[in-house]
Amino acid sequence: MARKIVVVAVALWLFAASAACAQGNPNADPIGAALIPPDVVMNHQQALGLTDAQKQAIQADAQAAQARFTHVQWQLSAATEKLADLLKQPHVDQSKALAQLDAVLDLERQMKHAQLTLMIQVKNELTPEQQATARQFEAPSQK
């Protein structure tokens, strides 16, 4: 279940980036286009010919990422709530609010760092041939 949450979170991130690419957006996401969504790999294990070692490595990477995502998400929720409370005041202390914004943005950066780390780890576990095969399973809007 936890692994599915990681996969969904990363997939949503990639789908959003891929949607921009599919619409011919000049600001298309070249990073997302260079990676393979973990759910594609997970859903097509046999067709990709994943070895037991590859499966174990990807599962370990996903579990480590899930732990990191959960930890950072809790921190991010608390930091966001604190920022909202600061902004709800009749008189906003600008320096405190901006410092809290920096804390929120740092946590978001950590989340994106963890997402990209997982994506790189998944891609690096695949051979070039498996990567090419996985790209065939991606939704047309992701290409």
Protein backbone atom coordinates (compact mmCIF):
# COMPACT_ATOMS: atom_id res chain seq x y z
CA MET A 1 0.00 0.00 0.00
CA ALA A 2 2.75 2.41 0.94
CA ARG A 3 4.59 1.65 -2.27
CA LYS A 4 1.47 2.49 -4.25
CA ILE A 5 1.30 5.86 -2.52
CA VAL A 6 4.86 6.61 -3.59
CA VAL A 7 4.14 5.53 -7.12
CA VAL A 8 0.98 7.62 -7.28
CA ALA A 9 2.74 10.70 -5.90
CA VAL A 10 5.59 10.42 -8.35
CA ALA A 11 3.23 9.58 -11.21
CA LEU A 12 1.09 12.63 -10.49
CA TRP A 13 4.18 14.79 -10.54
CA LEU A 14 5.22 13.32 -13.87
CA PHE A 15 1.74 13.45 -15.35
CA ALA A 16 1.53 17.16 -14.62
CA ALA A 17 4.90 17.74 -16.24
CA SER A 18 4.01 15.49 -19.16
CA ALA A 19 0.71 17.24 -19.73
CA ALA A 20 2.63 20.44 -20.33
CA CYS A 21 4.77 18.61 -22.89
CA ALA A 22 1.75 17.12 -24.64
CA GLN A 23 0.12 20.51 -25.07
CA GLY A 24 3.13 21.80 -26.97
CA ASN A 25 4.01 24.09 -24.11
CA PRO A 26 7.28 25.91 -24.82
CA ASN A 27 8.07 25.45 -21.14
CA ALA A 28 7.78 21.64 -21.48
CA ASP A 29 9.42 19.45 -18.86
CA PRO A 30 12.58 17.94 -20.35
CA ILE A 31 13.39 16.29 -17.01
CA GLY A 32 10.13 14.36 -16.81
CA ALA A 33 10.54 13.29 -20.42
CA ALA A 34 13.93 11.77 -19.62
CA LEU A 35 12.60 9.52 -16.85
CA ILE A 36 10.29 6.51 -16.67
CA PRO A 37 7.41 6.54 -14.18
CA PRO A 38 7.83 3.86 -11.50
CA ASP A 39 4.24 2.73 -12.02
CA VAL A 40 5.04 1.83 -15.63
CA VAL A 41 7.91 -0.35 -14.42
CA MET A 42 5.80 -1.88 -11.64
CA ASN A 43 2.83 -2.60 -13.93
CA HIS A 44 4.93 -4.19 -16.68
CA GLN A 45 7.50 -6.22 -14.75
CA GLN A 46 7.17 -9.34 -16.87
CA ALA A 47 7.11 -7.53 -20.21
CA LEU A 48 10.24 -5.65 -19.17
CA GLY A 49 11.90 -8.89 -18.09
CA LEU A 50 12.88 -7.55 -14.68
CA THR A 51 15.24 -9.80 -12.80
CA ASP A 52 14.68 -10.62 -9.15
CA ALA A 53 17.62 -8.38 -8.29
CA GLN A 54 16.08 -5.46 -10.20
CA LYS A 55 12.70 -5.99 -8.52
CA GLN A 56 14.30 -6.10 -5.08
CA ALA A 57 16.38 -2.99 -5.74
CA ILE A 58 13.40 -1.00 -7.06
CA GLN A 59 11.23 -2.13 -4.14
CA ALA A 60 13.93 -1.10 -1.66
CA ASP A 61 14.30 2.27 -3.37
CA ALA A 62 10.52 2.82 -3.32
CA GLN A 63 10.26 1.86 0.34
CA ALA A 64 13.09 4.23 1.29
CA ALA A 65 11.45 6.98 -0.75
CA GLN A 66 8.09 6.33 0.91
CA ALA A 67 9.65 6.72 4.34
CA ARG A 68 11.25 9.98 3.26
CA PHE A 69 8.02 11.23 1.62
CA THR A 70 6.00 10.50 4.76
CA HIS A 71 8.51 12.23 7.03
CA VAL A 72 8.75 15.32 4.84
CA GLN A 73 4.98 15.42 4.23
CA TRP A 74 4.32 15.60 7.96
CA GLN A 75 6.84 18.40 8.31
CA LEU A 76 5.45 20.19 5.26
CA SER A 77 1.89 20.03 6.57
CA ALA A 78 2.94 21.48 9.92
CA ALA A 79 5.02 24.21 8.28
CA THR A 80 2.20 25.12 5.90
CA GLU A 81 -0.27 25.29 8.76
CA LYS A 82 2.09 27.57 10.68
CA LEU A 83 2.45 29.84 7.64
CA ALA A 84 -1.33 29.99 7.22
CA ASP A 85 -1.71 30.93 10.89
CA LEU A 86 0.82 33.74 10.49
CA LEU A 87 -1.00 35.04 7.42
CA LYS A 88 -4.40 34.97 9.15
CA GLN A 89 -3.32 37.53 11.72
CA PRO A 90 -4.84 41.02 11.41
CA HIS A 91 -1.31 42.38 11.15
CA VAL A 92 1.14 40.01 9.43
CA ASP A 93 4.71 40.02 10.70
CA GLN A 94 6.36 40.07 7.30
CA SER A 95 9.76 38.79 8.45
CA LYS A 96 8.21 35.83 10.32
CA ALA A 97 5.88 35.02 7.42
CA LEU A 98 8.69 35.11 4.87
CA ALA A 99 10.94 33.02 7.10
CA GLN A 100 8.13 30.47 7.40
CA LEU A 101 7.65 30.56 3.63
CA ASP A 102 11.34 29.74 3.26
CA ALA A 103 10.82 26.74 5.57
CA VAL A 104 7.86 25.55 3.47
CA LEU A 105 9.79 25.99 0.23
CA ASP A 106 12.76 24.09 1.64
CA LEU A 107 10.52 21.17 2.55
CA GLU A 108 8.98 21.24 -0.93
CA ARG A 109 12.51 21.16 -2.35
CA GLN A 110 13.28 18.14 -0.17
CA MET A 111 10.16 16.40 -1.48
CA LYS A 112 11.12 17.07 -5.10
CA HIS A 113 14.67 15.93 -4.35
CA ALA A 114 13.34 12.64 -2.98
CA GLN A 115 11.05 12.21 -6.00
CA LEU A 116 13.84 12.80 -8.48
CA THR A 117 16.15 10.50 -6.51
CA LEU A 118 13.61 7.68 -6.79
CA MET A 119 13.07 8.31 -10.50
CA ILE A 120 16.82 8.19 -11.15
CA GLN A 121 17.20 5.01 -9.10
CA VAL A 122 14.40 3.29 -11.00
CA LYS A 123 15.81 4.32 -14.38
CA ASN A 124 19.32 3.24 -13.39
CA GLU A 125 18.06 -0.23 -12.48
CA LEU A 126 16.83 -0.76 -16.04
CA THR A 127 18.95 -1.73 -18.99
CA PRO A 128 18.76 0.52 -22.08
CA GLU A 129 16.59 -2.13 -23.73
CA GLN A 130 14.21 -2.23 -20.76
CA GLN A 131 14.03 1.57 -20.79
CA ALA A 132 13.06 1.53 -24.46
CA THR A 133 10.40 -1.09 -23.80
CA ALA A 134 9.06 0.85 -20.80
CA ARG A 135 8.65 3.96 -22.94
CA GLN A 136 6.31 1.97 -25.19
CA PHE A 137 4.01 1.38 -22.19
CA GLU A 138 3.79 5.06 -21.25
CA ALA A 139 0.52 6.83 -21.97
CA PRO A 140 0.61 8.80 -25.25
CA SER A 141 0.21 12.07 -23.29
CA GLN A 142 3.44 11.29 -21.44
CA LYS A 143 5.61 10.97 -24.53
